[in-house]
Amino acid sequence: MVRVVGRRRRRPAGSGASLDTERGLRGAYAAHGGELYRFALRQLGDEGAAEEVVQEVFLRAWRRADAFDPEIASLRSWLYAIARNVVIDEARRTASRPWRRTLTDSPQDSPEAPVTDGIDQAVVDTWVVEEALRRIRPEHREAIVATHLRGRAYADVATELGIPIGTLRSRIFYGMKALRLAMDEMGVEQ
């Protein structure tokens, strides 16, 4: 909810609008730091790396506080999108330099490669896609959900919506473009 005061738009307290202040960043960390740490720990399997991921997430959030807009995505979704990218970066870094992990691991630890796939990744991806779908036009969203997510035939969906197949295909095409743009604005990297 955004209140308009005069000509200036003010975001409500707690919306994450003050991530560029120490108080705002502390509040965001208190609200989401623990769950981001657990997410990173499950993905990487390394406590030290998970701590580094959380630190990097909040560092990036602080540096790009001006990019956060609660009308586009919730603070939690925005932080998870950043965390997802940082976890992927960390997994790639570890995979490209496996010898670095053996320097810090104790002998009883297994030097297995980090886990980057799993239920947690699927949950974060789902949140991000849901947020992006909320940002596109309803007719585009309806066409994409019916055909791509539910796997229905174009002819069936077009008949149900009462539109020609060509119109449905156009809605899907422009909807996918809008979806890609929305995800880019949310900071999702492919």
N, C-alpha and C. Protein backbone atom coordinates (compact mmCIF):
# COMPACT_ATOMS: atom_id res chain seq x y z
N MET A 1 0.84 -1.16 0.00
CA MET A 1 0.00 0.00 0.00
C MET A 1 0.89 1.23 0.00
N VAL A 2 0.68 2.13 -0.93
CA VAL A 2 1.46 3.35 -1.05
C VAL A 2 0.54 4.53 -0.77
N ARG A 3 0.94 5.36 0.16
CA ARG A 3 0.18 6.56 0.47
C ARG A 3 0.76 7.72 -0.31
N VAL A 4 -0.11 8.55 -0.86
CA VAL A 4 0.33 9.73 -1.59
C VAL A 4 0.14 10.92 -0.68
N VAL A 5 1.22 11.61 -0.39
CA VAL A 5 1.19 12.80 0.45
C VAL A 5 1.68 13.94 -0.42
N GLY A 6 0.76 14.84 -0.77
CA GLY A 6 1.15 15.90 -1.70
C GLY A 6 1.51 15.28 -3.03
N ARG A 7 2.68 15.56 -3.50
CA ARG A 7 3.14 14.98 -4.76
C ARG A 7 4.15 13.86 -4.53
N ARG A 8 4.57 13.66 -3.31
CA ARG A 8 5.59 12.65 -3.01
C ARG A 8 4.93 11.35 -2.61
N ARG A 9 5.43 10.25 -3.10
CA ARG A 9 4.93 8.94 -2.73
C ARG A 9 5.75 8.42 -1.56
N ARG A 10 5.05 7.95 -0.55
CA ARG A 10 5.72 7.41 0.62
C ARG A 10 5.34 5.96 0.78
N ARG A 11 6.32 5.13 0.96
CA ARG A 11 6.05 3.72 1.21
C ARG A 11 5.82 3.54 2.69
N PRO A 12 4.93 2.60 3.04
CA PRO A 12 4.66 2.38 4.45
C PRO A 12 5.87 1.80 5.17
N ALA A 13 5.95 2.03 6.46
CA ALA A 13 7.06 1.49 7.25
C ALA A 13 7.05 -0.02 7.18
N GLY A 14 8.24 -0.61 7.15
CA GLY A 14 8.35 -2.07 7.11
C GLY A 14 8.27 -2.63 5.70
N SER A 15 8.11 -1.79 4.69
CA SER A 15 8.00 -2.28 3.33
C SER A 15 9.37 -2.57 2.73
N GLY A 16 10.43 -2.23 3.44
CA GLY A 16 11.77 -2.45 2.92
C GLY A 16 12.29 -1.24 2.18
N ALA A 17 11.53 -0.15 2.19
CA ALA A 17 11.92 1.04 1.46
C ALA A 17 13.16 1.66 2.06
N SER A 18 13.48 1.35 3.31
CA SER A 18 14.61 1.98 3.97
C SER A 18 15.81 1.03 4.06
N LEU A 19 15.97 0.18 3.08
CA LEU A 19 17.11 -0.74 3.09
C LEU A 19 18.44 0.00 3.00
N ASP A 20 18.41 1.24 2.63
CA ASP A 20 19.65 2.00 2.54
C ASP A 20 20.04 2.63 3.88
N THR A 21 19.24 2.37 4.92
CA THR A 21 19.59 2.84 6.26
C THR A 21 19.94 1.64 7.13
N GLU A 22 20.73 1.89 8.16
CA GLU A 22 21.13 0.80 9.05
C GLU A 22 19.91 0.18 9.73
N ARG A 23 19.00 1.01 10.17
CA ARG A 23 17.81 0.52 10.86
C ARG A 23 16.95 -0.36 9.93
N GLY A 24 16.75 0.09 8.71
CA GLY A 24 15.96 -0.69 7.75
C GLY A 24 16.61 -2.01 7.40
N LEU A 25 17.94 -1.98 7.24
CA LEU A 25 18.66 -3.20 6.91
C LEU A 25 18.63 -4.19 8.09
N ARG A 26 18.76 -3.66 9.30
CA ARG A 26 18.67 -4.52 10.48
C ARG A 26 17.28 -5.16 10.59
N GLY A 27 16.25 -4.38 10.30
CA GLY A 27 14.89 -4.91 10.33
C GLY A 27 14.68 -6.00 9.29
N ALA A 28 15.20 -5.79 8.09
CA ALA A 28 15.09 -6.81 7.04
C ALA A 28 15.87 -8.06 7.41
N TYR A 29 17.05 -7.88 8.01
CA TYR A 29 17.84 -9.03 8.44
C TYR A 29 17.12 -9.80 9.54
N ALA A 30 16.55 -9.08 10.50
CA ALA A 30 15.83 -9.74 11.59
C ALA A 30 14.64 -10.52 11.05
N ALA A 31 13.97 -9.98 10.05
CA ALA A 31 12.78 -10.64 9.51
C ALA A 31 13.11 -11.81 8.59
N HIS A 32 14.20 -11.73 7.83
CA HIS A 32 14.45 -12.72 6.78
C HIS A 32 15.81 -13.40 6.83
N GLY A 33 16.72 -12.93 7.68
CA GLY A 33 18.07 -13.48 7.72
C GLY A 33 18.11 -14.97 8.03
N GLY A 34 17.33 -15.39 9.01
CA GLY A 34 17.34 -16.80 9.42
C GLY A 34 16.86 -17.72 8.32
N GLU A 35 15.77 -17.37 7.68
CA GLU A 35 15.25 -18.25 6.63
C GLU A 35 16.15 -18.24 5.40
N LEU A 36 16.80 -17.12 5.10
CA LEU A 36 17.76 -17.09 4.00
C LEU A 36 18.97 -17.96 4.32
N TYR A 37 19.42 -17.93 5.58
CA TYR A 37 20.54 -18.77 5.99
C TYR A 37 20.18 -20.25 5.83
N ARG A 38 18.98 -20.63 6.31
CA ARG A 38 18.56 -22.04 6.19
C ARG A 38 18.44 -22.46 4.73
N PHE A 39 17.92 -21.56 3.89
CA PHE A 39 17.83 -21.85 2.46
C PHE A 39 19.23 -22.10 1.88
N ALA A 40 20.16 -21.21 2.16
CA ALA A 40 21.52 -21.35 1.63
C ALA A 40 22.19 -22.60 2.18
N LEU A 41 21.97 -22.89 3.46
CA LEU A 41 22.57 -24.08 4.07
C LEU A 41 22.05 -25.35 3.41
N ARG A 42 20.75 -25.41 3.16
CA ARG A 42 20.19 -26.60 2.49
C ARG A 42 20.72 -26.74 1.08
N GLN A 43 20.93 -25.64 0.41
CA GLN A 43 21.39 -25.70 -0.97
C GLN A 43 22.88 -26.04 -1.06
N LEU A 44 23.68 -25.47 -0.17
CA LEU A 44 25.13 -25.61 -0.27
C LEU A 44 25.70 -26.69 0.65
N GLY A 45 25.02 -26.96 1.76
CA GLY A 45 25.51 -27.97 2.70
C GLY A 45 26.75 -27.54 3.46
N ASP A 46 27.01 -26.26 3.54
CA ASP A 46 28.21 -25.74 4.20
C ASP A 46 27.81 -24.51 5.01
N GLU A 47 28.01 -24.57 6.33
CA GLU A 47 27.60 -23.47 7.20
C GLU A 47 28.32 -22.17 6.87
N GLY A 48 29.62 -22.27 6.65
CA GLY A 48 30.41 -21.07 6.34
C GLY A 48 29.96 -20.43 5.03
N ALA A 49 29.73 -21.25 4.02
CA ALA A 49 29.27 -20.72 2.73
C ALA A 49 27.87 -20.12 2.87
N ALA A 50 27.02 -20.74 3.67
CA ALA A 50 25.66 -20.21 3.88
C ALA A 50 25.73 -18.84 4.55
N GLU A 51 26.62 -18.68 5.53
CA GLU A 51 26.78 -17.39 6.18
C GLU A 51 27.27 -16.33 5.19
N GLU A 52 28.20 -16.72 4.32
CA GLU A 52 28.70 -15.79 3.30
C GLU A 52 27.60 -15.40 2.32
N VAL A 53 26.73 -16.36 1.98
CA VAL A 53 25.63 -16.08 1.07
C VAL A 53 24.70 -15.04 1.68
N VAL A 54 24.33 -15.23 2.95
CA VAL A 54 23.42 -14.28 3.61
C VAL A 54 24.06 -12.90 3.67
N GLN A 55 25.34 -12.86 4.00
CA GLN A 55 26.04 -11.57 4.05
C GLN A 55 26.03 -10.90 2.68
N GLU A 56 26.27 -11.67 1.65
CA GLU A 56 26.29 -11.13 0.29
C GLU A 56 24.89 -10.68 -0.14
N VAL A 57 23.86 -11.41 0.26
CA VAL A 57 22.49 -11.03 -0.08
C VAL A 57 22.17 -9.66 0.48
N PHE A 58 22.48 -9.45 1.76
CA PHE A 58 22.15 -8.17 2.38
C PHE A 58 23.08 -7.05 1.90
N LEU A 59 24.29 -7.39 1.52
CA LEU A 59 25.18 -6.39 0.93
C LEU A 59 24.62 -5.92 -0.42
N ARG A 60 24.19 -6.87 -1.25
CA ARG A 60 23.61 -6.51 -2.54
C ARG A 60 22.30 -5.74 -2.35
N ALA A 61 21.50 -6.16 -1.39
CA ALA A 61 20.24 -5.46 -1.12
C ALA A 61 20.52 -4.02 -0.69
N TRP A 62 21.51 -3.83 0.14
CA TRP A 62 21.86 -2.49 0.61
C TRP A 62 22.35 -1.63 -0.55
N ARG A 63 23.23 -2.23 -1.39
CA ARG A 63 23.77 -1.47 -2.52
C ARG A 63 22.69 -1.12 -3.54
N ARG A 64 21.70 -1.99 -3.69
CA ARG A 64 20.65 -1.78 -4.69
C ARG A 64 19.30 -1.48 -4.05
N ALA A 65 19.33 -0.84 -2.88
CA ALA A 65 18.08 -0.53 -2.17
C ALA A 65 17.13 0.29 -3.04
N ASP A 66 17.67 1.12 -3.91
CA ASP A 66 16.83 1.94 -4.77
C ASP A 66 16.08 1.10 -5.81
N ALA A 67 16.54 -0.12 -6.07
CA ALA A 67 15.89 -0.99 -7.06
C ALA A 67 14.69 -1.73 -6.48
N PHE A 68 14.56 -1.77 -5.16
CA PHE A 68 13.44 -2.48 -4.55
C PHE A 68 12.18 -1.64 -4.63
N ASP A 69 11.12 -2.27 -5.14
CA ASP A 69 9.82 -1.61 -5.21
C ASP A 69 8.77 -2.60 -4.73
N PRO A 70 8.10 -2.32 -3.62
CA PRO A 70 7.11 -3.26 -3.09
C PRO A 70 5.91 -3.46 -4.00
N GLU A 71 5.73 -2.60 -4.99
CA GLU A 71 4.65 -2.80 -5.95
C GLU A 71 5.01 -3.88 -6.96
N ILE A 72 6.29 -4.16 -7.12
CA ILE A 72 6.74 -5.17 -8.07
C ILE A 72 6.83 -6.54 -7.38
N ALA A 73 7.43 -6.57 -6.21
CA ALA A 73 7.59 -7.84 -5.49
C ALA A 73 7.70 -7.54 -4.00
N SER A 74 7.38 -8.55 -3.21
CA SER A 74 7.53 -8.38 -1.76
C SER A 74 9.02 -8.38 -1.42
N LEU A 75 9.36 -7.86 -0.27
CA LEU A 75 10.75 -7.84 0.16
C LEU A 75 11.31 -9.25 0.23
N ARG A 76 10.50 -10.17 0.76
CA ARG A 76 10.94 -11.56 0.88
C ARG A 76 11.27 -12.16 -0.49
N SER A 77 10.39 -11.96 -1.46
CA SER A 77 10.65 -12.49 -2.80
C SER A 77 11.88 -11.86 -3.43
N TRP A 78 12.05 -10.56 -3.22
CA TRP A 78 13.21 -9.87 -3.77
C TRP A 78 14.49 -10.41 -3.16
N LEU A 79 14.49 -10.59 -1.84
CA LEU A 79 15.68 -11.13 -1.16
C LEU A 79 15.95 -12.57 -1.59
N TYR A 80 14.89 -13.38 -1.77
CA TYR A 80 15.09 -14.75 -2.22
C TYR A 80 15.62 -14.80 -3.65
N ALA A 81 15.19 -13.88 -4.50
CA ALA A 81 15.74 -13.84 -5.86
C ALA A 81 17.23 -13.53 -5.81
N ILE A 82 17.61 -12.60 -4.96
CA ILE A 82 19.04 -12.29 -4.79
C ILE A 82 19.76 -13.51 -4.23
N ALA A 83 19.17 -14.15 -3.22
CA ALA A 83 19.79 -15.32 -2.60
C ALA A 83 19.97 -16.46 -3.60
N ARG A 84 18.99 -16.65 -4.42
CA ARG A 84 19.08 -17.70 -5.44
C ARG A 84 20.29 -17.45 -6.34
N ASN A 85 20.46 -16.21 -6.78
CA ASN A 85 21.60 -15.88 -7.65
C ASN A 85 22.92 -16.03 -6.91
N VAL A 86 22.97 -15.64 -5.65
CA VAL A 86 24.21 -15.76 -4.87
C VAL A 86 24.55 -17.23 -4.63
N VAL A 87 23.54 -18.05 -4.34
CA VAL A 87 23.77 -19.50 -4.13
C VAL A 87 24.32 -20.12 -5.41
N ILE A 88 23.76 -19.75 -6.54
CA ILE A 88 24.24 -20.28 -7.82
C ILE A 88 25.69 -19.85 -8.05
N ASP A 89 25.98 -18.57 -7.78
CA ASP A 89 27.35 -18.08 -7.93
C ASP A 89 28.31 -18.85 -7.03
N GLU A 90 27.90 -19.06 -5.78
CA GLU A 90 28.73 -19.79 -4.81
C GLU A 90 28.94 -21.24 -5.25
N ALA A 91 27.88 -21.88 -5.74
CA ALA A 91 28.00 -23.27 -6.19
C ALA A 91 28.95 -23.37 -7.39
N ARG A 92 28.85 -22.41 -8.29
CA ARG A 92 29.76 -22.40 -9.45
C ARG A 92 31.19 -22.15 -9.01
N ARG A 93 31.37 -21.22 -8.07
CA ARG A 93 32.72 -20.92 -7.58
C ARG A 93 33.32 -22.15 -6.93
N THR A 94 32.55 -22.83 -6.12
CA THR A 94 33.04 -24.02 -5.43
C THR A 94 33.32 -25.15 -6.42
N ALA A 95 32.44 -25.30 -7.41
CA ALA A 95 32.64 -26.36 -8.40
C ALA A 95 33.87 -26.11 -9.27
N SER A 96 34.16 -24.83 -9.54
CA SER A 96 35.32 -24.54 -10.38
C SER A 96 36.64 -24.59 -9.60
N ARG A 97 36.56 -24.51 -8.27
CA ARG A 97 37.76 -24.57 -7.42
C ARG A 97 37.52 -25.52 -6.24
N PRO A 98 37.38 -26.81 -6.52
CA PRO A 98 37.08 -27.75 -5.43
C PRO A 98 38.18 -27.84 -4.38
N TRP A 99 39.39 -27.50 -4.73
CA TRP A 99 40.50 -27.56 -3.79
C TRP A 99 40.33 -26.56 -2.66
N ARG A 100 39.61 -25.43 -2.90
CA ARG A 100 39.40 -24.42 -1.85
C ARG A 100 38.55 -24.97 -0.72
N ARG A 101 37.61 -25.84 -1.05
CA ARG A 101 36.73 -26.40 -0.02
C ARG A 101 37.50 -27.33 0.90
N THR A 102 38.46 -28.07 0.36
CA THR A 102 39.22 -29.00 1.19
C THR A 102 40.14 -28.27 2.16
N LEU A 103 40.45 -27.00 1.89
CA LEU A 103 41.29 -26.24 2.80
C LEU A 103 40.58 -25.93 4.11
N THR A 104 39.26 -25.78 4.05
CA THR A 104 38.50 -25.41 5.25
C THR A 104 37.72 -26.55 5.87
N ASP A 105 37.53 -27.65 5.16
CA ASP A 105 36.76 -28.77 5.68
C ASP A 105 37.60 -29.57 6.67
N SER A 106 36.94 -30.07 7.71
CA SER A 106 37.62 -30.99 8.61
C SER A 106 37.62 -32.37 7.96
N PRO A 107 38.50 -33.28 8.38
CA PRO A 107 38.63 -34.57 7.73
C PRO A 107 37.33 -35.39 7.73
N GLN A 108 36.47 -35.25 8.73
CA GLN A 108 35.26 -36.04 8.75
C GLN A 108 34.19 -35.49 7.79
N ASP A 109 34.35 -34.25 7.32
CA ASP A 109 33.40 -33.69 6.37
C ASP A 109 33.60 -34.30 5.00
N SER A 110 32.51 -34.46 4.32
CA SER A 110 32.57 -35.02 2.97
C SER A 110 32.76 -33.89 1.97
N PRO A 111 33.74 -34.00 1.10
CA PRO A 111 33.97 -32.94 0.11
C PRO A 111 33.07 -33.09 -1.11
N GLU A 112 31.80 -33.36 -0.88
CA GLU A 112 30.87 -33.51 -2.00
C GLU A 112 30.59 -32.16 -2.64
N ALA A 113 30.18 -32.20 -3.89
CA ALA A 113 29.81 -30.96 -4.59
C ALA A 113 28.56 -30.39 -3.97
N PRO A 114 28.42 -29.08 -4.00
CA PRO A 114 27.23 -28.46 -3.41
C PRO A 114 25.96 -28.88 -4.14
N VAL A 115 24.88 -28.93 -3.41
CA VAL A 115 23.59 -29.29 -3.96
C VAL A 115 22.91 -28.00 -4.42
N THR A 116 22.61 -27.91 -5.72
CA THR A 116 21.95 -26.71 -6.21
C THR A 116 20.53 -27.00 -6.68
N ASP A 117 20.16 -28.26 -6.78
CA ASP A 117 18.81 -28.61 -7.17
C ASP A 117 18.09 -29.15 -5.95
N GLY A 118 16.80 -29.01 -5.93
CA GLY A 118 16.04 -29.57 -4.83
C GLY A 118 14.74 -28.85 -4.63
N ILE A 119 14.07 -29.27 -3.61
CA ILE A 119 12.75 -28.72 -3.32
C ILE A 119 12.83 -27.24 -3.00
N ASP A 120 13.87 -26.81 -2.29
CA ASP A 120 13.99 -25.40 -1.93
C ASP A 120 14.11 -24.53 -3.16
N GLN A 121 14.87 -24.97 -4.14
CA GLN A 121 15.03 -24.21 -5.37
C GLN A 121 13.70 -24.12 -6.10
N ALA A 122 12.96 -25.22 -6.11
CA ALA A 122 11.66 -25.22 -6.78
C ALA A 122 10.70 -24.24 -6.10
N VAL A 123 10.74 -24.17 -4.78
CA VAL A 123 9.87 -23.25 -4.05
C VAL A 123 10.22 -21.80 -4.39
N VAL A 124 11.49 -21.48 -4.38
CA VAL A 124 11.91 -20.11 -4.71
C VAL A 124 11.54 -19.77 -6.15
N ASP A 125 11.78 -20.70 -7.07
CA ASP A 125 11.42 -20.46 -8.46
C ASP A 125 9.92 -20.21 -8.60
N THR A 126 9.13 -20.98 -7.88
CA THR A 126 7.67 -20.81 -7.91
C THR A 126 7.28 -19.43 -7.42
N TRP A 127 7.87 -18.98 -6.32
CA TRP A 127 7.58 -17.65 -5.78
C TRP A 127 7.91 -16.57 -6.79
N VAL A 128 9.05 -16.71 -7.42
CA VAL A 128 9.50 -15.69 -8.37
C VAL A 128 8.56 -15.65 -9.58
N VAL A 129 8.19 -16.83 -10.10
CA VAL A 129 7.29 -16.87 -11.26
C VAL A 129 5.92 -16.31 -10.89
N GLU A 130 5.42 -16.64 -9.70
CA GLU A 130 4.13 -16.09 -9.27
C GLU A 130 4.17 -14.57 -9.19
N GLU A 131 5.25 -14.04 -8.64
CA GLU A 131 5.39 -12.58 -8.55
C GLU A 131 5.42 -11.96 -9.95
N ALA A 132 6.15 -12.58 -10.86
CA ALA A 132 6.25 -12.05 -12.22
C ALA A 132 4.90 -12.15 -12.94
N LEU A 133 4.18 -13.25 -12.74
CA LEU A 133 2.86 -13.40 -13.38
C LEU A 133 1.87 -12.35 -12.88
N ARG A 134 2.00 -11.95 -11.63
CA ARG A 134 1.11 -10.91 -11.10
C ARG A 134 1.31 -9.57 -11.80
N ARG A 135 2.48 -9.39 -12.41
CA ARG A 135 2.81 -8.10 -13.01
C ARG A 135 2.35 -7.95 -14.45
N ILE A 136 1.97 -9.05 -15.10
CA ILE A 136 1.57 -8.93 -16.50
C ILE A 136 0.05 -8.79 -16.61
N ARG A 137 -0.42 -8.42 -17.78
CA ARG A 137 -1.85 -8.18 -18.00
C ARG A 137 -2.64 -9.48 -17.78
N PRO A 138 -3.86 -9.37 -17.27
CA PRO A 138 -4.66 -10.57 -16.96
C PRO A 138 -4.90 -11.49 -18.15
N GLU A 139 -5.16 -10.93 -19.34
CA GLU A 139 -5.41 -11.80 -20.50
C GLU A 139 -4.14 -12.55 -20.91
N HIS A 140 -2.98 -11.93 -20.74
CA HIS A 140 -1.72 -12.63 -21.03
C HIS A 140 -1.47 -13.72 -19.99
N ARG A 141 -1.67 -13.37 -18.73
CA ARG A 141 -1.48 -14.33 -17.64
C ARG A 141 -2.39 -15.54 -17.82
N GLU A 142 -3.65 -15.31 -18.15
CA GLU A 142 -4.62 -16.39 -18.34
C GLU A 142 -4.19 -17.34 -19.46
N ALA A 143 -3.72 -16.77 -20.57
CA ALA A 143 -3.28 -17.57 -21.71
C ALA A 143 -2.03 -18.39 -21.37
N ILE A 144 -1.07 -17.79 -20.70
CA ILE A 144 0.17 -18.49 -20.34
C ILE A 144 -0.10 -19.60 -19.32
N VAL A 145 -0.88 -19.28 -18.31
CA VAL A 145 -1.18 -20.30 -17.28
C VAL A 145 -1.91 -21.48 -17.89
N ALA A 146 -2.90 -21.22 -18.73
CA ALA A 146 -3.69 -22.30 -19.32
C ALA A 146 -2.85 -23.18 -20.25
N THR A 147 -2.00 -22.58 -21.07
CA THR A 147 -1.26 -23.37 -22.06
C THR A 147 0.07 -23.90 -21.54
N HIS A 148 0.86 -23.05 -20.89
CA HIS A 148 2.20 -23.48 -20.48
C HIS A 148 2.21 -24.19 -19.12
N LEU A 149 1.49 -23.67 -18.17
CA LEU A 149 1.55 -24.25 -16.83
C LEU A 149 0.58 -25.42 -16.65
N ARG A 150 -0.58 -25.34 -17.29
CA ARG A 150 -1.56 -26.43 -17.18
C ARG A 150 -1.47 -27.41 -18.34
N GLY A 151 -0.73 -27.05 -19.38
CA GLY A 151 -0.49 -27.96 -20.50
C GLY A 151 -1.69 -28.22 -21.38
N ARG A 152 -2.62 -27.29 -21.43
CA ARG A 152 -3.83 -27.48 -22.24
C ARG A 152 -3.56 -27.12 -23.69
N ALA A 153 -4.32 -27.71 -24.59
CA ALA A 153 -4.17 -27.47 -26.02
C ALA A 153 -4.65 -26.06 -26.36
N TYR A 154 -4.00 -25.44 -27.35
CA TYR A 154 -4.36 -24.09 -27.76
C TYR A 154 -5.83 -24.02 -28.20
N ALA A 155 -6.27 -25.02 -28.96
CA ALA A 155 -7.64 -25.01 -29.47
C ALA A 155 -8.66 -25.03 -28.33
N ASP A 156 -8.39 -25.84 -27.31
CA ASP A 156 -9.31 -25.91 -26.16
C ASP A 156 -9.36 -24.59 -25.41
N VAL A 157 -8.21 -23.99 -25.19
CA VAL A 157 -8.15 -22.73 -24.45
C VAL A 157 -8.82 -21.62 -25.25
N ALA A 158 -8.56 -21.57 -26.55
CA ALA A 158 -9.17 -20.54 -27.40
C ALA A 158 -10.69 -20.68 -27.40
N THR A 159 -11.18 -21.90 -27.50
CA THR A 159 -12.63 -22.13 -27.48
C THR A 159 -13.22 -21.70 -26.14
N GLU A 160 -12.56 -22.06 -25.06
CA GLU A 160 -13.05 -21.69 -23.72
C GLU A 160 -13.09 -20.17 -23.54
N LEU A 161 -12.08 -19.48 -24.06
CA LEU A 161 -12.02 -18.02 -23.92
C LEU A 161 -12.87 -17.29 -24.96
N GLY A 162 -13.31 -18.02 -25.98
CA GLY A 162 -14.13 -17.41 -27.02
C GLY A 162 -13.35 -16.51 -27.94
N ILE A 163 -12.09 -16.88 -28.21
CA ILE A 163 -11.24 -16.08 -29.10
C ILE A 163 -10.62 -16.99 -30.15
N PRO A 164 -10.20 -16.42 -31.30
CA PRO A 164 -9.51 -17.24 -32.31
C PRO A 164 -8.15 -17.72 -31.79
N ILE A 165 -7.68 -18.82 -32.36
CA ILE A 165 -6.38 -19.38 -31.95
C ILE A 165 -5.26 -18.37 -32.19
N GLY A 166 -5.33 -17.63 -33.28
CA GLY A 166 -4.31 -16.62 -33.57
C GLY A 166 -4.22 -15.56 -32.47
N THR A 167 -5.35 -15.17 -31.93
CA THR A 167 -5.37 -14.20 -30.84
C THR A 167 -4.73 -14.80 -29.59
N LEU A 168 -5.04 -16.07 -29.33
CA LEU A 168 -4.44 -16.75 -28.18
C LEU A 168 -2.92 -16.81 -28.33
N ARG A 169 -2.46 -17.16 -29.52
CA ARG A 169 -1.01 -17.24 -29.75
C ARG A 169 -0.36 -15.87 -29.58
N SER A 170 -1.03 -14.83 -30.02
CA SER A 170 -0.51 -13.47 -29.85
C SER A 170 -0.43 -13.11 -28.37
N ARG A 171 -1.47 -13.47 -27.61
CA ARG A 171 -1.45 -13.19 -26.18
C ARG A 171 -0.32 -13.94 -25.48
N ILE A 172 -0.09 -15.17 -25.89
CA ILE A 172 1.00 -15.95 -25.30
C ILE A 172 2.35 -15.33 -25.65
N PHE A 173 2.53 -14.96 -26.91
CA PHE A 173 3.79 -14.36 -27.35
C PHE A 173 4.10 -13.08 -26.57
N TYR A 174 3.14 -12.15 -26.55
CA TYR A 174 3.37 -10.88 -25.86
C TYR A 174 3.39 -11.06 -24.34
N GLY A 175 2.66 -12.03 -23.85
CA GLY A 175 2.69 -12.34 -22.42
C GLY A 175 4.05 -12.86 -21.99
N MET A 176 4.65 -13.71 -22.81
CA MET A 176 5.98 -14.24 -22.48
C MET A 176 7.03 -13.12 -22.52
N LYS A 177 6.89 -12.20 -23.46
CA LYS A 177 7.81 -11.06 -23.50
C LYS A 177 7.67 -10.22 -22.23
N ALA A 178 6.41 -9.97 -21.83
CA ALA A 178 6.16 -9.19 -20.61
C ALA A 178 6.67 -9.94 -19.38
N LEU A 179 6.52 -11.26 -19.37
CA LEU A 179 6.99 -12.07 -18.24
C LEU A 179 8.52 -12.01 -18.13
N ARG A 180 9.21 -12.10 -19.25
CA ARG A 180 10.67 -11.98 -19.25
C ARG A 180 11.10 -10.61 -18.72
N LEU A 181 10.43 -9.57 -19.16
CA LEU A 181 10.75 -8.22 -18.71
C LEU A 181 10.49 -8.08 -17.20
N ALA A 182 9.39 -8.63 -16.73
CA ALA A 182 9.08 -8.57 -15.30
C ALA A 182 10.14 -9.29 -14.48
N MET A 183 10.60 -10.43 -14.96
CA MET A 183 11.62 -11.18 -14.24
C MET A 183 12.97 -10.46 -14.29
N ASP A 184 13.27 -9.80 -15.39
CA ASP A 184 14.48 -9.00 -15.47
C ASP A 184 14.43 -7.86 -14.46
N GLU A 185 13.27 -7.21 -14.35
CA GLU A 185 13.11 -6.12 -13.38
C GLU A 185 13.23 -6.60 -11.95
N MET A 186 12.89 -7.85 -11.72
CA MET A 186 12.98 -8.43 -10.38
C MET A 186 14.40 -8.89 -10.04
N GLY A 187 15.29 -8.84 -11.03
CA GLY A 187 16.68 -9.22 -10.80
C GLY A 187 16.97 -10.69 -11.02
N VAL A 188 16.08 -11.38 -11.69
CA VAL A 188 16.28 -12.81 -11.94
C VAL A 188 17.26 -12.97 -13.09
N GLU A 189 18.29 -13.76 -12.85
CA GLU A 189 19.29 -14.04 -13.87
C GLU A 189 19.05 -15.44 -14.40
N GLN A 190 19.28 -15.61 -15.69
CA GLN A 190 19.07 -16.95 -16.27
C GLN A 190 20.34 -17.71 -16.37
